[in-house]
């Protein structure tokens, strides 16, 4: 296997990442955002964990960030528009990405989106992003539970 080819900007990014480590994940994220001079942060949240996403928003705003947030069912997309087999409201990760793109977020956070929805959100997000919460209700959100 060949080593990755890093540009000057990539190397600077890796150094900033290294400087933000060794804290709780949220503190690490805050340090990372500040070291990169990000100001406008987007949160794409699953509806079922929205109250936790609101707490994250409050934390980030207290740190001086302008936070834009949208949950997966906010557009009220009818599931039947995706497939006749589906019922109720559907998650709408493409609209989440478009909403955050319109608000010109500089960095986005996937907060508990379902696996496929998170992939679509990442595909359409113009800003770089990270996943902060992985939803796994079968294992109380501890994704390694059955592997340890």
N, C-alpha and C. Protein backbone atom coordinates (compact mmCIF):
# COMPACT_ATOMS: atom_id res chain seq x y z
N UNK A 1 0.85 -1.18 0.00
CA UNK A 1 0.00 0.00 0.00
C UNK A 1 0.89 1.24 0.00
N UNK A 2 0.49 2.22 -0.75
CA UNK A 2 1.23 3.46 -0.88
C UNK A 2 0.75 4.48 0.15
N UNK A 3 1.65 5.29 0.67
CA UNK A 3 1.29 6.34 1.62
C UNK A 3 0.44 7.40 0.93
N UNK A 4 -0.43 8.05 1.69
CA UNK A 4 -1.26 9.12 1.17
C UNK A 4 -0.42 10.31 0.74
N UNK A 5 -0.89 10.98 -0.27
CA UNK A 5 -0.21 12.17 -0.77
C UNK A 5 -0.92 13.40 -0.19
N UNK A 6 -0.28 14.06 0.77
CA UNK A 6 -0.89 15.17 1.48
C UNK A 6 -0.41 16.51 0.93
N UNK A 7 -1.38 17.39 0.63
CA UNK A 7 -1.04 18.75 0.22
C UNK A 7 -0.61 19.53 1.45
N UNK A 8 -0.09 20.73 1.24
CA UNK A 8 0.29 21.60 2.34
C UNK A 8 -0.92 21.86 3.25
N UNK A 9 -2.10 22.12 2.65
CA UNK A 9 -3.31 22.37 3.42
C UNK A 9 -3.73 21.14 4.21
N UNK A 10 -3.59 19.95 3.61
CA UNK A 10 -3.93 18.72 4.31
C UNK A 10 -3.04 18.53 5.52
N UNK A 11 -1.75 18.81 5.36
CA UNK A 11 -0.80 18.67 6.47
C UNK A 11 -1.13 19.65 7.58
N UNK A 12 -1.48 20.88 7.23
CA UNK A 12 -1.86 21.87 8.24
C UNK A 12 -3.12 21.41 8.98
N UNK A 13 -4.07 20.84 8.24
CA UNK A 13 -5.30 20.33 8.82
C UNK A 13 -5.00 19.20 9.80
N UNK A 14 -4.09 18.31 9.42
CA UNK A 14 -3.71 17.20 10.30
C UNK A 14 -3.06 17.72 11.59
N UNK A 15 -2.25 18.76 11.49
CA UNK A 15 -1.60 19.35 12.67
C UNK A 15 -2.63 20.00 13.59
N UNK A 16 -3.59 20.69 13.01
CA UNK A 16 -4.65 21.30 13.81
C UNK A 16 -5.45 20.20 14.51
N UNK A 17 -5.74 19.13 13.81
CA UNK A 17 -6.46 18.01 14.40
C UNK A 17 -5.70 17.46 15.60
N UNK A 18 -4.40 17.33 15.46
CA UNK A 18 -3.57 16.81 16.55
C UNK A 18 -3.62 17.74 17.77
N UNK A 19 -3.67 19.04 17.54
CA UNK A 19 -3.69 20.02 18.64
C UNK A 19 -5.01 19.99 19.41
N UNK A 20 -6.08 19.49 18.82
CA UNK A 20 -7.39 19.52 19.49
C UNK A 20 -7.70 18.23 20.25
N UNK A 21 -6.80 17.26 20.22
CA UNK A 21 -7.06 15.96 20.85
C UNK A 21 -6.89 15.98 22.36
N UNK A 22 -7.13 14.79 22.94
CA UNK A 22 -6.92 14.51 24.37
C UNK A 22 -7.91 15.26 25.27
N UNK A 23 -9.13 15.37 24.84
CA UNK A 23 -10.22 15.95 25.62
C UNK A 23 -11.44 15.06 25.41
N UNK A 24 -12.54 15.41 26.07
CA UNK A 24 -13.79 14.72 25.74
C UNK A 24 -14.07 14.98 24.27
N UNK A 25 -14.89 14.18 23.65
CA UNK A 25 -15.14 14.35 22.22
C UNK A 25 -15.77 15.71 21.91
N UNK A 26 -16.66 16.19 22.76
CA UNK A 26 -17.27 17.50 22.50
C UNK A 26 -16.24 18.60 22.68
N UNK A 27 -15.41 18.52 23.71
CA UNK A 27 -14.36 19.52 23.90
C UNK A 27 -13.35 19.46 22.76
N UNK A 28 -13.04 18.25 22.31
CA UNK A 28 -12.15 18.09 21.16
C UNK A 28 -12.74 18.77 19.93
N UNK A 29 -14.03 18.58 19.71
CA UNK A 29 -14.72 19.21 18.58
C UNK A 29 -14.66 20.73 18.69
N UNK A 30 -14.94 21.26 19.87
CA UNK A 30 -14.91 22.71 20.07
C UNK A 30 -13.50 23.24 19.80
N UNK A 31 -12.49 22.58 20.33
CA UNK A 31 -11.11 23.00 20.07
C UNK A 31 -10.80 22.98 18.58
N UNK A 32 -11.21 21.91 17.91
CA UNK A 32 -10.99 21.76 16.47
C UNK A 32 -11.66 22.88 15.69
N UNK A 33 -12.91 23.18 16.03
CA UNK A 33 -13.64 24.24 15.34
C UNK A 33 -12.97 25.59 15.53
N UNK A 34 -12.54 25.86 16.75
CA UNK A 34 -11.88 27.15 17.03
C UNK A 34 -10.53 27.23 16.33
N UNK A 35 -9.73 26.17 16.38
CA UNK A 35 -8.42 26.19 15.75
C UNK A 35 -8.51 26.36 14.23
N UNK A 36 -9.63 25.92 13.64
CA UNK A 36 -9.85 26.08 12.21
C UNK A 36 -10.61 27.36 11.87
N UNK A 37 -10.92 28.16 12.88
CA UNK A 37 -11.64 29.43 12.69
C UNK A 37 -13.02 29.26 12.06
N UNK A 38 -13.66 28.12 12.32
CA UNK A 38 -15.03 27.95 11.85
C UNK A 38 -15.95 28.78 12.73
N UNK A 39 -16.90 29.44 12.13
CA UNK A 39 -17.84 30.29 12.87
C UNK A 39 -19.28 29.78 12.78
N UNK A 40 -19.67 29.30 11.58
CA UNK A 40 -21.06 28.87 11.35
C UNK A 40 -21.08 27.34 11.29
N UNK A 41 -21.74 26.74 12.26
CA UNK A 41 -21.75 25.29 12.41
C UNK A 41 -23.16 24.76 12.14
N UNK A 42 -23.25 23.68 11.39
CA UNK A 42 -24.53 23.05 11.11
C UNK A 42 -24.68 21.75 11.87
N UNK A 43 -25.88 21.48 12.34
CA UNK A 43 -26.20 20.20 12.98
C UNK A 43 -27.37 19.59 12.24
N UNK A 44 -27.15 18.39 11.68
CA UNK A 44 -28.23 17.60 11.08
C UNK A 44 -28.53 16.47 12.06
N UNK A 45 -29.70 16.52 12.63
CA UNK A 45 -30.06 15.60 13.72
C UNK A 45 -31.19 14.67 13.33
N UNK A 46 -31.16 13.50 13.92
CA UNK A 46 -32.32 12.61 13.87
C UNK A 46 -33.39 13.20 14.80
N UNK A 47 -34.64 13.07 14.40
CA UNK A 47 -35.75 13.58 15.21
C UNK A 47 -35.76 12.94 16.60
N UNK A 48 -35.41 11.66 16.69
CA UNK A 48 -35.50 10.94 17.96
C UNK A 48 -34.46 11.38 18.99
N UNK A 49 -33.41 12.06 18.57
CA UNK A 49 -32.39 12.53 19.51
C UNK A 49 -32.29 14.06 19.48
N UNK A 50 -33.34 14.70 19.02
CA UNK A 50 -33.33 16.15 18.83
C UNK A 50 -33.09 16.91 20.13
N UNK A 51 -33.61 16.42 21.24
CA UNK A 51 -33.40 17.14 22.51
C UNK A 51 -31.92 17.16 22.88
N UNK A 52 -31.19 16.10 22.56
CA UNK A 52 -29.74 16.08 22.81
C UNK A 52 -29.02 17.01 21.83
N UNK A 53 -29.50 17.08 20.60
CA UNK A 53 -28.92 17.99 19.62
C UNK A 53 -29.10 19.44 20.07
N UNK A 54 -30.25 19.74 20.67
CA UNK A 54 -30.48 21.09 21.18
C UNK A 54 -29.47 21.42 22.29
N UNK A 55 -29.14 20.44 23.12
CA UNK A 55 -28.13 20.66 24.17
C UNK A 55 -26.77 20.94 23.54
N UNK A 56 -26.44 20.20 22.48
CA UNK A 56 -25.18 20.44 21.78
C UNK A 56 -25.18 21.85 21.19
N UNK A 57 -26.30 22.24 20.61
CA UNK A 57 -26.41 23.60 20.04
C UNK A 57 -26.16 24.64 21.11
N UNK A 58 -26.75 24.46 22.29
CA UNK A 58 -26.55 25.40 23.40
C UNK A 58 -25.08 25.48 23.80
N UNK A 59 -24.42 24.33 23.86
CA UNK A 59 -22.99 24.28 24.23
C UNK A 59 -22.17 25.04 23.20
N UNK A 60 -22.43 24.78 21.92
CA UNK A 60 -21.67 25.44 20.86
C UNK A 60 -21.93 26.94 20.82
N UNK A 61 -23.17 27.34 21.02
CA UNK A 61 -23.49 28.77 21.04
C UNK A 61 -22.82 29.46 22.23
N UNK A 62 -22.76 28.77 23.37
CA UNK A 62 -22.07 29.34 24.54
C UNK A 62 -20.58 29.53 24.28
N UNK A 63 -20.05 28.77 23.33
CA UNK A 63 -18.64 28.90 22.94
C UNK A 63 -18.45 29.93 21.84
N UNK A 64 -19.55 30.59 21.42
CA UNK A 64 -19.44 31.67 20.45
C UNK A 64 -19.74 31.30 19.01
N UNK A 65 -20.20 30.10 18.75
CA UNK A 65 -20.50 29.69 17.38
C UNK A 65 -21.92 30.06 17.00
N UNK A 66 -22.13 30.34 15.72
CA UNK A 66 -23.46 30.55 15.14
C UNK A 66 -23.90 29.17 14.65
N UNK A 67 -24.93 28.61 15.25
CA UNK A 67 -25.33 27.23 14.97
C UNK A 67 -26.66 27.20 14.24
N UNK A 68 -26.68 26.47 13.13
CA UNK A 68 -27.90 26.22 12.36
C UNK A 68 -28.23 24.74 12.55
N UNK A 69 -29.49 24.44 12.83
CA UNK A 69 -29.84 23.06 13.13
C UNK A 69 -31.14 22.67 12.42
N UNK A 70 -31.19 21.42 11.99
CA UNK A 70 -32.40 20.90 11.34
C UNK A 70 -32.51 19.40 11.66
N UNK A 71 -33.71 18.97 12.03
CA UNK A 71 -33.90 17.53 12.26
C UNK A 71 -34.43 16.87 10.99
N UNK A 72 -34.35 15.56 10.95
CA UNK A 72 -34.58 14.79 9.73
C UNK A 72 -36.01 14.85 9.19
N UNK A 73 -36.99 15.16 10.02
CA UNK A 73 -38.38 15.16 9.56
C UNK A 73 -38.97 16.56 9.48
N UNK A 74 -38.12 17.55 9.57
CA UNK A 74 -38.59 18.94 9.59
C UNK A 74 -39.33 19.35 8.32
N UNK A 75 -38.97 18.78 7.18
CA UNK A 75 -39.63 19.15 5.92
C UNK A 75 -40.98 18.46 5.74
N UNK A 76 -41.28 17.51 6.61
CA UNK A 76 -42.54 16.76 6.56
C UNK A 76 -42.71 16.00 5.24
N UNK A 77 -41.60 15.46 4.74
CA UNK A 77 -41.62 14.63 3.53
C UNK A 77 -42.44 13.37 3.80
N UNK A 78 -43.45 13.16 2.99
CA UNK A 78 -44.26 11.95 3.13
C UNK A 78 -43.48 10.75 2.60
N UNK A 79 -43.43 9.69 3.38
CA UNK A 79 -42.65 8.50 3.02
C UNK A 79 -43.10 7.90 1.69
N UNK A 80 -44.37 8.04 1.37
CA UNK A 80 -44.90 7.49 0.12
C UNK A 80 -44.23 8.16 -1.09
N UNK A 81 -43.68 9.37 -0.91
CA UNK A 81 -42.96 10.02 -1.99
C UNK A 81 -41.64 9.31 -2.29
N UNK A 82 -41.14 8.55 -1.34
CA UNK A 82 -39.92 7.76 -1.52
C UNK A 82 -40.28 6.39 -2.11
N UNK A 83 -41.30 5.77 -1.53
CA UNK A 83 -41.75 4.46 -1.98
C UNK A 83 -43.19 4.24 -1.55
N UNK A 84 -43.97 3.59 -2.42
CA UNK A 84 -45.36 3.30 -2.08
C UNK A 84 -45.46 2.34 -0.89
N UNK A 85 -44.40 1.63 -0.59
CA UNK A 85 -44.39 0.66 0.52
C UNK A 85 -44.25 1.34 1.88
N UNK A 86 -43.84 2.60 1.89
CA UNK A 86 -43.58 3.29 3.15
C UNK A 86 -44.77 4.14 3.57
N UNK A 87 -44.88 4.35 4.88
CA UNK A 87 -45.98 5.14 5.43
C UNK A 87 -45.43 6.18 6.41
N UNK A 88 -46.21 7.21 6.66
CA UNK A 88 -45.83 8.23 7.63
C UNK A 88 -44.85 9.24 7.05
N UNK A 89 -44.17 9.94 7.95
CA UNK A 89 -43.17 10.91 7.53
C UNK A 89 -41.84 10.21 7.31
N UNK A 90 -41.12 10.67 6.32
CA UNK A 90 -39.81 10.12 6.02
C UNK A 90 -38.72 11.08 6.46
N UNK A 91 -37.58 10.52 6.79
CA UNK A 91 -36.39 11.36 7.00
C UNK A 91 -36.04 11.98 5.66
N UNK A 92 -35.39 13.14 5.69
CA UNK A 92 -35.09 13.89 4.47
C UNK A 92 -33.65 14.43 4.54
N UNK A 93 -32.65 13.54 4.47
CA UNK A 93 -31.26 13.98 4.64
C UNK A 93 -30.76 14.91 3.54
N UNK A 94 -31.29 14.79 2.34
CA UNK A 94 -30.86 15.70 1.27
C UNK A 94 -31.32 17.13 1.59
N UNK A 95 -32.54 17.27 2.07
CA UNK A 95 -33.02 18.61 2.45
C UNK A 95 -32.26 19.16 3.65
N UNK A 96 -31.84 18.28 4.55
CA UNK A 96 -31.02 18.74 5.68
C UNK A 96 -29.72 19.35 5.15
N UNK A 97 -29.08 18.64 4.23
CA UNK A 97 -27.83 19.16 3.64
C UNK A 97 -28.08 20.47 2.90
N UNK A 98 -29.17 20.52 2.12
CA UNK A 98 -29.48 21.73 1.35
C UNK A 98 -29.76 22.91 2.28
N UNK A 99 -30.46 22.67 3.39
CA UNK A 99 -30.75 23.72 4.36
C UNK A 99 -29.44 24.29 4.92
N UNK A 100 -28.54 23.41 5.32
CA UNK A 100 -27.26 23.87 5.89
C UNK A 100 -26.39 24.53 4.82
N UNK A 101 -26.45 24.01 3.58
CA UNK A 101 -25.72 24.64 2.48
C UNK A 101 -26.23 26.06 2.26
N UNK A 102 -27.55 26.25 2.29
CA UNK A 102 -28.13 27.58 2.09
C UNK A 102 -27.71 28.55 3.19
N UNK A 103 -27.49 28.02 4.39
CA UNK A 103 -27.05 28.86 5.51
C UNK A 103 -25.53 29.00 5.56
N UNK A 104 -24.88 28.48 4.53
CA UNK A 104 -23.43 28.59 4.36
C UNK A 104 -22.65 28.17 5.59
N UNK A 105 -23.06 27.03 6.15
CA UNK A 105 -22.32 26.50 7.29
C UNK A 105 -20.91 26.15 6.84
N UNK A 106 -19.98 26.32 7.74
CA UNK A 106 -18.57 26.07 7.43
C UNK A 106 -18.13 24.67 7.86
N UNK A 107 -18.89 24.09 8.78
CA UNK A 107 -18.62 22.73 9.25
C UNK A 107 -19.94 22.16 9.73
N UNK A 108 -20.20 20.88 9.41
CA UNK A 108 -21.46 20.25 9.79
C UNK A 108 -21.23 19.05 10.69
N UNK A 109 -22.26 18.75 11.50
CA UNK A 109 -22.23 17.62 12.42
C UNK A 109 -23.43 16.72 12.12
N UNK A 110 -23.15 15.45 11.87
CA UNK A 110 -24.17 14.42 11.77
C UNK A 110 -24.43 13.97 13.20
N UNK A 111 -25.63 14.21 13.67
CA UNK A 111 -25.97 13.89 15.05
C UNK A 111 -27.09 12.85 15.08
N UNK A 112 -26.71 11.59 14.97
CA UNK A 112 -27.65 10.48 15.12
C UNK A 112 -28.47 10.13 13.90
N UNK A 113 -28.05 10.54 12.70
CA UNK A 113 -28.79 10.14 11.51
C UNK A 113 -28.63 8.64 11.28
N UNK A 114 -29.66 8.02 10.74
CA UNK A 114 -29.57 6.60 10.39
C UNK A 114 -28.44 6.39 9.39
N UNK A 115 -27.94 5.19 9.31
CA UNK A 115 -26.76 4.90 8.49
C UNK A 115 -26.88 5.44 7.06
N UNK A 116 -27.87 5.00 6.32
CA UNK A 116 -28.04 5.44 4.93
C UNK A 116 -28.34 6.92 4.81
N UNK A 117 -29.09 7.45 5.76
CA UNK A 117 -29.42 8.88 5.74
C UNK A 117 -28.17 9.71 5.99
N UNK A 118 -27.31 9.25 6.89
CA UNK A 118 -26.05 9.95 7.14
C UNK A 118 -25.15 9.94 5.92
N UNK A 119 -25.18 8.85 5.17
CA UNK A 119 -24.38 8.76 3.94
C UNK A 119 -24.89 9.76 2.91
N UNK A 120 -26.21 9.85 2.75
CA UNK A 120 -26.77 10.83 1.81
C UNK A 120 -26.50 12.26 2.27
N UNK A 121 -26.61 12.50 3.57
CA UNK A 121 -26.31 13.82 4.11
C UNK A 121 -24.87 14.22 3.77
N UNK A 122 -23.93 13.31 3.98
CA UNK A 122 -22.52 13.58 3.69
C UNK A 122 -22.31 13.82 2.19
N UNK A 123 -23.03 13.08 1.37
CA UNK A 123 -22.88 13.22 -0.08
C UNK A 123 -23.28 14.63 -0.54
N UNK A 124 -24.31 15.20 0.06
CA UNK A 124 -24.84 16.49 -0.40
C UNK A 124 -24.37 17.69 0.42
N UNK A 125 -23.68 17.47 1.51
CA UNK A 125 -23.17 18.57 2.32
C UNK A 125 -21.98 19.21 1.61
N UNK A 126 -22.02 20.53 1.48
CA UNK A 126 -20.88 21.24 0.88
C UNK A 126 -19.76 21.44 1.89
N UNK A 127 -20.10 21.50 3.16
CA UNK A 127 -19.12 21.73 4.21
C UNK A 127 -18.54 20.39 4.68
N UNK A 128 -17.30 20.40 5.18
CA UNK A 128 -16.78 19.18 5.79
C UNK A 128 -17.63 18.83 7.00
N UNK A 129 -17.61 17.58 7.40
CA UNK A 129 -18.47 17.17 8.51
C UNK A 129 -17.85 16.04 9.31
N UNK A 130 -18.41 15.86 10.49
CA UNK A 130 -18.07 14.73 11.33
C UNK A 130 -19.36 14.14 11.88
N UNK A 131 -19.28 12.89 12.29
CA UNK A 131 -20.40 12.25 12.98
C UNK A 131 -20.09 12.28 14.46
N UNK A 132 -20.98 12.88 15.24
CA UNK A 132 -20.76 12.99 16.67
C UNK A 132 -21.54 11.94 17.45
N UNK A 133 -22.73 11.61 16.98
CA UNK A 133 -23.55 10.60 17.67
C UNK A 133 -23.96 9.55 16.67
N UNK A 134 -23.72 8.30 17.03
CA UNK A 134 -24.17 7.18 16.22
C UNK A 134 -25.34 6.54 16.95
N UNK A 135 -26.46 6.49 16.28
CA UNK A 135 -27.68 5.95 16.89
C UNK A 135 -27.68 4.43 16.76
N UNK A 136 -27.79 3.73 17.89
CA UNK A 136 -27.85 2.27 17.92
C UNK A 136 -28.73 1.85 19.10
N UNK A 137 -30.05 1.97 18.93
CA UNK A 137 -30.94 1.71 20.06
C UNK A 137 -30.88 0.28 20.59
N UNK A 138 -30.50 -0.66 19.76
CA UNK A 138 -30.41 -2.06 20.22
C UNK A 138 -29.34 -2.25 21.27
N UNK A 139 -28.32 -1.39 21.26
CA UNK A 139 -27.21 -1.50 22.20
C UNK A 139 -27.01 -0.23 23.03
N UNK A 140 -28.11 0.49 23.32
CA UNK A 140 -28.06 1.74 24.07
C UNK A 140 -27.01 2.69 23.49
N UNK A 141 -26.90 2.72 22.18
CA UNK A 141 -26.00 3.61 21.42
C UNK A 141 -24.53 3.30 21.63
N UNK A 142 -24.22 2.13 22.21
CA UNK A 142 -22.85 1.66 22.33
C UNK A 142 -22.62 0.69 21.17
N UNK A 143 -22.10 1.19 20.06
CA UNK A 143 -22.03 0.39 18.84
C UNK A 143 -21.10 -0.81 18.97
N UNK A 144 -20.21 -0.84 19.94
CA UNK A 144 -19.27 -1.95 20.11
C UNK A 144 -19.77 -3.00 21.11
N UNK A 145 -20.96 -2.81 21.65
CA UNK A 145 -21.48 -3.67 22.72
C UNK A 145 -21.35 -5.18 22.42
N UNK A 146 -21.71 -5.62 21.25
CA UNK A 146 -21.69 -7.05 20.93
C UNK A 146 -20.34 -7.54 20.42
N UNK A 147 -19.35 -6.65 20.35
CA UNK A 147 -18.05 -7.03 19.84
C UNK A 147 -16.99 -7.08 20.92
N UNK A 148 -17.31 -6.64 22.12
CA UNK A 148 -16.32 -6.59 23.21
C UNK A 148 -16.38 -7.85 24.02
